[in-house]
């Protein structure tokens, strides 16, 4: 493998997550509209660049925070405990 190929391979630090824009879902987690899905996808993508590996529970937590279903302190507590389902 060439040095360039090794460098490109090592820079692929995250694996893609399934985003279904037609059915408004990320990793199987439903979203009410495309704008909310896009906001969540952008936030998740930015964090994945920094090493975050989301689960479906993370996606639901982020969705609920974006939709004002939970407060920021609730978001932080749930993220620490991963109690959000």
PDB file of N, CA and C in Angstrom:
ATOM      1  N   UNK A   1       0.858  -1.173   0.000  1.00  0.00           N
ATOM      2  CA  UNK A   1       0.000   0.000   0.000  1.00  0.00           C
ATOM      3  C   UNK A   1       0.903   1.235   0.000  1.00  0.00           C
ATOM      4  N   UNK A   2       0.554   2.190  -0.824  1.00  0.00           N
ATOM      5  CA  UNK A   2       1.365   3.401  -0.906  1.00  0.00           C
ATOM      6  C   UNK A   2       1.136   4.275   0.325  1.00  0.00           C
ATOM      7  N   UNK A   3       2.063   5.201   0.541  1.00  0.00           N
ATOM      8  CA  UNK A   3       1.955   6.117   1.673  1.00  0.00           C
ATOM      9  C   UNK A   3       0.666   6.933   1.577  1.00  0.00           C
ATOM     10  N   UNK A   4       0.317   7.380   0.369  1.00  0.00           N
ATOM     11  CA  UNK A   4      -0.901   8.166   0.169  1.00  0.00           C
ATOM     12  C   UNK A   4      -2.132   7.334   0.518  1.00  0.00           C
ATOM     13  N   UNK A   5      -2.162   6.089   0.066  1.00  0.00           N
ATOM     14  CA  UNK A   5      -3.305   5.223   0.368  1.00  0.00           C
ATOM     15  C   UNK A   5      -3.416   4.988   1.869  1.00  0.00           C
ATOM     16  N   UNK A   6      -2.291   4.773   2.551  1.00  0.00           N
ATOM     17  CA  UNK A   6      -2.314   4.580   3.995  1.00  0.00           C
ATOM     18  C   UNK A   6      -2.833   5.826   4.701  1.00  0.00           C
ATOM     19  N   UNK A   7      -2.403   6.991   4.246  1.00  0.00           N
ATOM     20  CA  UNK A   7      -2.845   8.244   4.844  1.00  0.00           C
ATOM     21  C   UNK A   7      -4.341   8.431   4.651  1.00  0.00           C
ATOM     22  N   UNK A   8      -4.834   8.184   3.450  1.00  0.00           N
ATOM     23  CA  UNK A   8      -6.271   8.318   3.195  1.00  0.00           C
ATOM     24  C   UNK A   8      -7.065   7.346   4.048  1.00  0.00           C
ATOM     25  N   UNK A   9      -6.559   6.120   4.180  1.00  0.00           N
ATOM     26  CA  UNK A   9      -7.249   5.118   4.970  1.00  0.00           C
ATOM     27  C   UNK A   9      -7.261   5.508   6.447  1.00  0.00           C
ATOM     28  N   UNK A  10      -6.184   6.004   6.967  1.00  0.00           N
ATOM     29  CA  UNK A  10      -6.128   6.359   8.378  1.00  0.00           C
ATOM     30  C   UNK A  10      -6.962   7.595   8.694  1.00  0.00           C
ATOM     31  N   UNK A  11      -7.248   8.418   7.703  1.00  0.00           N
ATOM     32  CA  UNK A  11      -8.069   9.609   7.940  1.00  0.00           C
ATOM     33  C   UNK A  11      -9.555   9.274   7.980  1.00  0.00           C
ATOM     34  N   UNK A  12      -9.941   8.081   7.551  1.00  0.00           N
ATOM     35  CA  UNK A  12     -11.337   7.668   7.625  1.00  0.00           C
ATOM     36  C   UNK A  12     -11.614   7.232   9.057  1.00  0.00           C
ATOM     37  N   UNK A  13     -11.820   8.229   9.935  1.00  0.00           N
ATOM     38  CA  UNK A  13     -11.895   7.967  11.372  1.00  0.00           C
ATOM     39  C   UNK A  13     -13.288   7.589  11.859  1.00  0.00           C
ATOM     40  N   UNK A  14     -14.276   7.663  11.020  1.00  0.00           N
ATOM     41  CA  UNK A  14     -15.607   7.266  11.446  1.00  0.00           C
ATOM     42  C   UNK A  14     -16.295   6.497  10.343  1.00  0.00           C
ATOM     43  N   UNK A  15     -17.253   5.692  10.745  1.00  0.00           N
ATOM     44  CA  UNK A  15     -18.014   4.960   9.743  1.00  0.00           C
ATOM     45  C   UNK A  15     -19.315   5.705   9.500  1.00  0.00           C
ATOM     46  N   UNK A  16     -19.785   5.680   8.276  1.00  0.00           N
ATOM     47  CA  UNK A  16     -21.026   6.394   7.956  1.00  0.00           C
ATOM     48  C   UNK A  16     -22.221   5.813   8.720  1.00  0.00           C
ATOM     49  N   UNK A  17     -23.166   6.658   9.013  1.00  0.00           N
ATOM     50  CA  UNK A  17     -24.398   6.194   9.652  1.00  0.00           C
ATOM     51  C   UNK A  17     -25.523   6.299   8.628  1.00  0.00           C
ATOM     52  N   UNK A  18     -26.505   5.408   8.715  1.00  0.00           N
ATOM     53  CA  UNK A  18     -27.600   5.441   7.746  1.00  0.00           C
ATOM     54  C   UNK A  18     -28.536   6.626   7.987  1.00  0.00           C
ATOM     55  N   UNK A  19     -28.646   7.458   6.964  1.00  0.00           N
ATOM     56  CA  UNK A  19     -29.579   8.584   6.990  1.00  0.00           C
ATOM     57  C   UNK A  19     -30.583   8.361   5.871  1.00  0.00           C
ATOM     58  N   UNK A  20     -31.841   8.238   6.228  1.00  0.00           N
ATOM     59  CA  UNK A  20     -32.920   7.991   5.271  1.00  0.00           C
ATOM     60  C   UNK A  20     -33.765   9.254   5.168  1.00  0.00           C
ATOM     61  N   UNK A  21     -33.396  10.100   4.221  1.00  0.00           N
ATOM     62  CA  UNK A  21     -34.091  11.383   4.063  1.00  0.00           C
ATOM     63  C   UNK A  21     -35.520  11.190   3.568  1.00  0.00           C
ATOM     64  N   UNK A  22     -35.757  10.146   2.806  1.00  0.00           N
ATOM     65  CA  UNK A  22     -37.105   9.893   2.287  1.00  0.00           C
ATOM     66  C   UNK A  22     -38.074   9.574   3.424  1.00  0.00           C
ATOM     67  N   UNK A  23     -37.617   8.728   4.353  1.00  0.00           N
ATOM     68  CA  UNK A  23     -38.473   8.332   5.474  1.00  0.00           C
ATOM     69  C   UNK A  23     -38.173   9.099   6.756  1.00  0.00           C
ATOM     70  N   UNK A  24     -37.353  10.140   6.642  1.00  0.00           N
ATOM     71  CA  UNK A  24     -37.026  11.022   7.766  1.00  0.00           C
ATOM     72  C   UNK A  24     -36.514  10.242   8.979  1.00  0.00           C
ATOM     73  N   UNK A  25     -35.394   9.530   8.780  1.00  0.00           N
ATOM     74  CA  UNK A  25     -34.837   8.745   9.876  1.00  0.00           C
ATOM     75  C   UNK A  25     -33.306   8.734   9.813  1.00  0.00           C
ATOM     76  N   UNK A  26     -32.700   8.701  10.977  1.00  0.00           N
ATOM     77  CA  UNK A  26     -31.252   8.511  11.116  1.00  0.00           C
ATOM     78  C   UNK A  26     -31.074   7.294  12.014  1.00  0.00           C
ATOM     79  N   UNK A  27     -30.371   6.303  11.532  1.00  0.00           N
ATOM     80  CA  UNK A  27     -30.152   5.047  12.264  1.00  0.00           C
ATOM     81  C   UNK A  27     -31.482   4.466  12.754  1.00  0.00           C
ATOM     82  N   UNK A  28     -32.527   4.625  11.962  1.00  0.00           N
ATOM     83  CA  UNK A  28     -33.836   4.101  12.324  1.00  0.00           C
ATOM     84  C   UNK A  28     -34.643   4.973  13.262  1.00  0.00           C
ATOM     85  N   UNK A  29     -34.074   6.083  13.724  1.00  0.00           N
ATOM     86  CA  UNK A  29     -34.770   7.003  14.628  1.00  0.00           C
ATOM     87  C   UNK A  29     -35.552   8.005  13.781  1.00  0.00           C
ATOM     88  N   UNK A  30     -36.854   8.065  13.987  1.00  0.00           N
ATOM     89  CA  UNK A  30     -37.730   8.922  13.184  1.00  0.00           C
ATOM     90  C   UNK A  30     -37.627  10.389  13.585  1.00  0.00           C
ATOM     91  N   UNK A  31     -37.773  11.248  12.575  1.00  0.00           N
ATOM     92  CA  UNK A  31     -37.775  12.695  12.755  1.00  0.00           C
ATOM     93  C   UNK A  31     -39.073  13.247  12.195  1.00  0.00           C
ATOM     94  N   UNK A  32     -39.568  14.357  12.759  1.00  0.00           N
ATOM     95  CA  UNK A  32     -40.858  14.888  12.317  1.00  0.00           C
ATOM     96  C   UNK A  32     -40.799  15.612  10.972  1.00  0.00           C
ATOM     97  N   UNK A  33     -39.616  16.112  10.614  1.00  0.00           N
ATOM     98  CA  UNK A  33     -39.494  16.867   9.376  1.00  0.00           C
ATOM     99  C   UNK A  33     -38.037  16.897   8.923  1.00  0.00           C
ATOM    100  N   UNK A  34     -37.847  17.307   7.686  1.00  0.00           N
ATOM    101  CA  UNK A  34     -36.514  17.312   7.101  1.00  0.00           C
ATOM    102  C   UNK A  34     -35.589  18.326   7.764  1.00  0.00           C
ATOM    103  N   UNK A  35     -36.117  19.462   8.174  1.00  0.00           N
ATOM    104  CA  UNK A  35     -35.282  20.488   8.816  1.00  0.00           C
ATOM    105  C   UNK A  35     -34.679  19.961  10.122  1.00  0.00           C
ATOM    106  N   UNK A  36     -35.477  19.274  10.915  1.00  0.00           N
ATOM    107  CA  UNK A  36     -34.979  18.719  12.181  1.00  0.00           C
ATOM    108  C   UNK A  36     -33.967  17.615  11.918  1.00  0.00           C
ATOM    109  N   UNK A  37     -34.237  16.776  10.934  1.00  0.00           N
ATOM    110  CA  UNK A  37     -33.290  15.724  10.563  1.00  0.00           C
ATOM    111  C   UNK A  37     -31.964  16.335  10.131  1.00  0.00           C
ATOM    112  N   UNK A  38     -32.011  17.364   9.305  1.00  0.00           N
ATOM    113  CA  UNK A  38     -30.780  18.010   8.837  1.00  0.00           C
ATOM    114  C   UNK A  38     -29.999  18.647   9.984  1.00  0.00           C
ATOM    115  N   UNK A  39     -30.695  19.293  10.902  1.00  0.00           N
ATOM    116  CA  UNK A  39     -30.008  19.887  12.061  1.00  0.00           C
ATOM    117  C   UNK A  39     -29.301  18.821  12.879  1.00  0.00           C
ATOM    118  N   UNK A  40     -29.992  17.713  13.109  1.00  0.00           N
ATOM    119  CA  UNK A  40     -29.400  16.619  13.878  1.00  0.00           C
ATOM    120  C   UNK A  40     -28.225  16.002  13.125  1.00  0.00           C
ATOM    121  N   UNK A  41     -28.395  15.767  11.835  1.00  0.00           N
ATOM    122  CA  UNK A  41     -27.323  15.164  11.035  1.00  0.00           C
ATOM    123  C   UNK A  41     -26.080  16.053  11.032  1.00  0.00           C
ATOM    124  N   UNK A  42     -26.260  17.349  10.940  1.00  0.00           N
ATOM    125  CA  UNK A  42     -25.119  18.268  10.974  1.00  0.00           C
ATOM    126  C   UNK A  42     -24.416  18.235  12.327  1.00  0.00           C
ATOM    127  N   UNK A  43     -25.179  18.224  13.396  1.00  0.00           N
ATOM    128  CA  UNK A  43     -24.587  18.170  14.740  1.00  0.00           C
ATOM    129  C   UNK A  43     -23.848  16.848  14.951  1.00  0.00           C
ATOM    130  N   UNK A  44     -24.464  15.767  14.527  1.00  0.00           N
ATOM    131  CA  UNK A  44     -23.849  14.449  14.691  1.00  0.00           C
ATOM    132  C   UNK A  44     -22.578  14.355  13.859  1.00  0.00           C
ATOM    133  N   UNK A  45     -22.655  14.811  12.606  1.00  0.00           N
ATOM    134  CA  UNK A  45     -21.484  14.760  11.729  1.00  0.00           C
ATOM    135  C   UNK A  45     -20.314  15.545  12.276  1.00  0.00           C
ATOM    136  N   UNK A  46     -20.584  16.716  12.813  1.00  0.00           N
ATOM    137  CA  UNK A  46     -19.515  17.532  13.398  1.00  0.00           C
ATOM    138  C   UNK A  46     -18.847  16.810  14.555  1.00  0.00           C
ATOM    139  N   UNK A  47     -19.656  16.167  15.378  1.00  0.00           N
ATOM    140  CA  UNK A  47     -19.109  15.445  16.521  1.00  0.00           C
ATOM    141  C   UNK A  47     -18.413  14.155  16.114  1.00  0.00           C
ATOM    142  N   UNK A  48     -18.887  13.514  15.055  1.00  0.00           N
ATOM    143  CA  UNK A  48     -18.218  12.307  14.565  1.00  0.00           C
ATOM    144  C   UNK A  48     -16.820  12.647  14.059  1.00  0.00           C
ATOM    145  N   UNK A  49     -16.679  13.825  13.503  1.00  0.00           N
ATOM    146  CA  UNK A  49     -15.366  14.269  13.042  1.00  0.00           C
ATOM    147  C   UNK A  49     -14.384  14.317  14.211  1.00  0.00           C
ATOM    148  N   UNK A  50     -14.904  14.562  15.395  1.00  0.00           N
ATOM    149  CA  UNK A  50     -14.073  14.628  16.600  1.00  0.00           C
ATOM    150  C   UNK A  50     -13.965  13.280  17.315  1.00  0.00           C
ATOM    151  N   UNK A  51     -14.561  12.233  16.740  1.00  0.00           N
ATOM    152  CA  UNK A  51     -14.422  10.899  17.307  1.00  0.00           C
ATOM    153  C   UNK A  51     -15.678  10.301  17.917  1.00  0.00           C
ATOM    154  N   UNK A  52     -16.783  11.027  17.917  1.00  0.00           N
ATOM    155  CA  UNK A  52     -18.049  10.533  18.470  1.00  0.00           C
ATOM    156  C   UNK A  52     -18.581   9.386  17.612  1.00  0.00           C
ATOM    157  N   UNK A  53     -18.997   8.297  18.255  1.00  0.00           N
ATOM    158  CA  UNK A  53     -19.603   7.163  17.566  1.00  0.00           C
ATOM    159  C   UNK A  53     -21.032   7.003  18.092  1.00  0.00           C
ATOM    160  N   UNK A  54     -22.007   7.541  17.366  1.00  0.00           N
ATOM    161  CA  UNK A  54     -23.381   7.561  17.878  1.00  0.00           C
ATOM    162  C   UNK A  54     -24.076   6.207  17.817  1.00  0.00           C
ATOM    163  N   UNK A  55     -24.988   6.029  18.755  1.00  0.00           N
ATOM    164  CA  UNK A  55     -25.902   4.892  18.743  1.00  0.00           C
ATOM    165  C   UNK A  55     -27.299   5.450  18.454  1.00  0.00           C
ATOM    166  N   UNK A  56     -28.252   4.577  18.271  1.00  0.00           N
ATOM    167  CA  UNK A  56     -29.631   5.031  18.064  1.00  0.00           C
ATOM    168  C   UNK A  56     -30.126   5.826  19.273  1.00  0.00           C
ATOM    169  N   UNK A  57     -29.711   5.442  20.477  1.00  0.00           N
ATOM    170  CA  UNK A  57     -30.108   6.197  21.673  1.00  0.00           C
ATOM    171  C   UNK A  57     -29.536   7.608  21.639  1.00  0.00           C
ATOM    172  N   UNK A  58     -28.302   7.761  21.188  1.00  0.00           N
ATOM    173  CA  UNK A  58     -27.713   9.099  21.045  1.00  0.00           C
ATOM    174  C   UNK A  58     -28.524   9.931  20.053  1.00  0.00           C
ATOM    175  N   UNK A  59     -28.901   9.308  18.947  1.00  0.00           N
ATOM    176  CA  UNK A  59     -29.664  10.017  17.912  1.00  0.00           C
ATOM    177  C   UNK A  59     -30.987  10.506  18.484  1.00  0.00           C
ATOM    178  N   UNK A  60     -31.685   9.641  19.221  1.00  0.00           N
ATOM    179  CA  UNK A  60     -32.964  10.027  19.826  1.00  0.00           C
ATOM    180  C   UNK A  60     -32.771  11.157  20.836  1.00  0.00           C
ATOM    181  N   UNK A  61     -31.714  11.102  21.602  1.00  0.00           N
ATOM    182  CA  UNK A  61     -31.415  12.145  22.581  1.00  0.00           C
ATOM    183  C   UNK A  61     -31.191  13.491  21.890  1.00  0.00           C
ATOM    184  N   UNK A  62     -30.396  13.482  20.844  1.00  0.00           N
ATOM    185  CA  UNK A  62     -30.116  14.716  20.097  1.00  0.00           C
ATOM    186  C   UNK A  62     -31.394  15.245  19.458  1.00  0.00           C
ATOM    187  N   UNK A  63     -32.190  14.357  18.862  1.00  0.00           N
ATOM    188  CA  UNK A  63     -33.470  14.765  18.264  1.00  0.00           C
ATOM    189  C   UNK A  63     -34.355  15.444  19.297  1.00  0.00           C
ATOM    190  N   UNK A  64     -34.485  14.822  20.470  1.00  0.00           N
ATOM    191  CA  UNK A  64     -35.368  15.376  21.495  1.00  0.00           C
ATOM    192  C   UNK A  64     -34.878  16.723  22.007  1.00  0.00           C
ATOM    193  N   UNK A  65     -33.575  16.896  22.090  1.00  0.00           N
ATOM    194  CA  UNK A  65     -33.041  18.193  22.510  1.00  0.00           C
ATOM    195  C   UNK A  65     -33.316  19.258  21.435  1.00  0.00           C
ATOM    196  N   UNK A  66     -33.075  18.923  20.190  1.00  0.00           N
ATOM    197  CA  UNK A  66     -33.325  19.873  19.092  1.00  0.00           C
ATOM    198  C   UNK A  66     -34.798  20.274  19.053  1.00  0.00           C
ATOM    199  N   UNK A  67     -35.676  19.331  19.375  1.00  0.00           N
ATOM    200  CA  UNK A  67     -37.114  19.596  19.325  1.00  0.00           C
ATOM    201  C   UNK A  67     -37.652  20.212  20.613  1.00  0.00           C
ATOM    202  N   UNK A  68     -36.752  20.570  21.551  1.00  0.00           N
ATOM    203  CA  UNK A  68     -37.142  21.166  22.834  1.00  0.00           C
ATOM    204  C   UNK A  68     -38.012  20.254  23.683  1.00  0.00           C
ATOM    205  N   UNK A  69     -37.876  18.945  23.499  1.00  0.00           N
ATOM    206  CA  UNK A  69     -38.593  18.005  24.355  1.00  0.00           C
ATOM    207  C   UNK A  69     -37.880  17.830  25.688  1.00  0.00           C
ATOM    208  N   UNK A  70     -36.572  18.118  25.689  1.00  0.00           N
ATOM    209  CA  UNK A  70     -35.787  18.066  26.919  1.00  0.00           C
ATOM    210  C   UNK A  70     -34.928  19.326  26.995  1.00  0.00           C
ATOM    211  N   UNK A  71     -34.586  19.700  28.211  1.00  0.00           N
ATOM    212  CA  UNK A  71     -33.745  20.880  28.426  1.00  0.00           C
ATOM    213  C   UNK A  71     -32.267  20.500  28.267  1.00  0.00           C
ATOM    214  N   UNK A  72     -31.413  21.520  28.209  1.00  0.00           N
ATOM    215  CA  UNK A  72     -29.984  21.241  28.111  1.00  0.00           C
ATOM    216  C   UNK A  72     -29.466  20.467  29.318  1.00  0.00           C
ATOM    217  N   UNK A  73     -29.846  20.849  30.553  1.00  0.00           N
ATOM    218  CA  UNK A  73     -29.393  20.038  31.701  1.00  0.00           C
ATOM    219  C   UNK A  73     -29.872  18.580  31.612  1.00  0.00           C
ATOM    220  N   UNK A  74     -31.098  18.367  31.142  1.00  0.00           N
ATOM    221  CA  UNK A  74     -31.593  17.001  30.964  1.00  0.00           C
ATOM    222  C   UNK A  74     -30.778  16.266  29.890  1.00  0.00           C
ATOM    223  N   UNK A  75     -30.451  16.978  28.823  1.00  0.00           N
ATOM    224  CA  UNK A  75     -29.632  16.406  27.751  1.00  0.00           C
ATOM    225  C   UNK A  75     -28.282  15.953  28.292  1.00  0.00           C
ATOM    226  N   UNK A  76     -27.639  16.820  29.049  1.00  0.00           N
ATOM    227  CA  UNK A  76     -26.314  16.502  29.604  1.00  0.00           C
ATOM    228  C   UNK A  76     -26.413  15.316  30.551  1.00  0.00           C
ATOM    229  N   UNK A  77     -27.402  15.331  31.431  1.00  0.00           N
ATOM    230  CA  UNK A  77     -27.558  14.231  32.388  1.00  0.00           C
ATOM    231  C   UNK A  77     -27.821  12.911  31.667  1.00  0.00           C
ATOM    232  N   UNK A  78     -28.702  12.929  30.678  1.00  0.00           N
ATOM    233  CA  UNK A  78     -28.999  11.710  29.926  1.00  0.00           C
ATOM    234  C   UNK A  78     -27.776  11.226  29.163  1.00  0.00           C
ATOM    235  N   UNK A  79     -27.023  12.146  28.599  1.00  0.00           N
ATOM    236  CA  UNK A  79     -25.803  11.764  27.865  1.00  0.00           C
ATOM    237  C   UNK A  79     -24.794  11.122  28.807  1.00  0.00           C
ATOM    238  N   UNK A  80     -24.684  11.660  30.012  1.00  0.00           N
ATOM    239  CA  UNK A  80     -23.745  11.088  30.999  1.00  0.00           C
ATOM    240  C   UNK A  80     -24.194   9.687  31.416  1.00  0.00           C
ATOM    241  N   UNK A  81     -25.480   9.535  31.596  1.00  0.00           N
ATOM    242  CA  UNK A  81     -26.021   8.270  32.098  1.00  0.00           C
ATOM    243  C   UNK A  81     -26.511   7.339  30.989  1.00  0.00           C
ATOM    244  N   UNK A  82     -26.701   7.892  29.804  1.00  0.00           N
ATOM    245  CA  UNK A  82     -27.313   7.180  28.680  1.00  0.00           C
ATOM    246  C   UNK A  82     -28.595   6.460  29.123  1.00  0.00           C
ATOM    247  N   UNK A  83     -29.416   7.215  29.862  1.00  0.00           N
ATOM    248  CA  UNK A  83     -30.686   6.681  30.333  1.00  0.00           C
ATOM    249  C   UNK A  83     -31.817   7.013  29.375  1.00  0.00           C
ATOM    250  N   UNK A  84     -31.563   7.855  28.402  1.00  0.00           N
ATOM    251  CA  UNK A  84     -32.598   8.265  27.454  1.00  0.00           C
ATOM    252  C   UNK A  84     -32.900   7.125  26.491  1.00  0.00           C
ATOM    253  N   UNK A  85     -34.158   6.812  26.305  1.00  0.00           N
ATOM    254  CA  UNK A  85     -34.538   5.745  25.358  1.00  0.00           C
ATOM    255  C   UNK A  85     -35.400   6.277  24.266  1.00  0.00           C
TER     256      UNK A  85
END
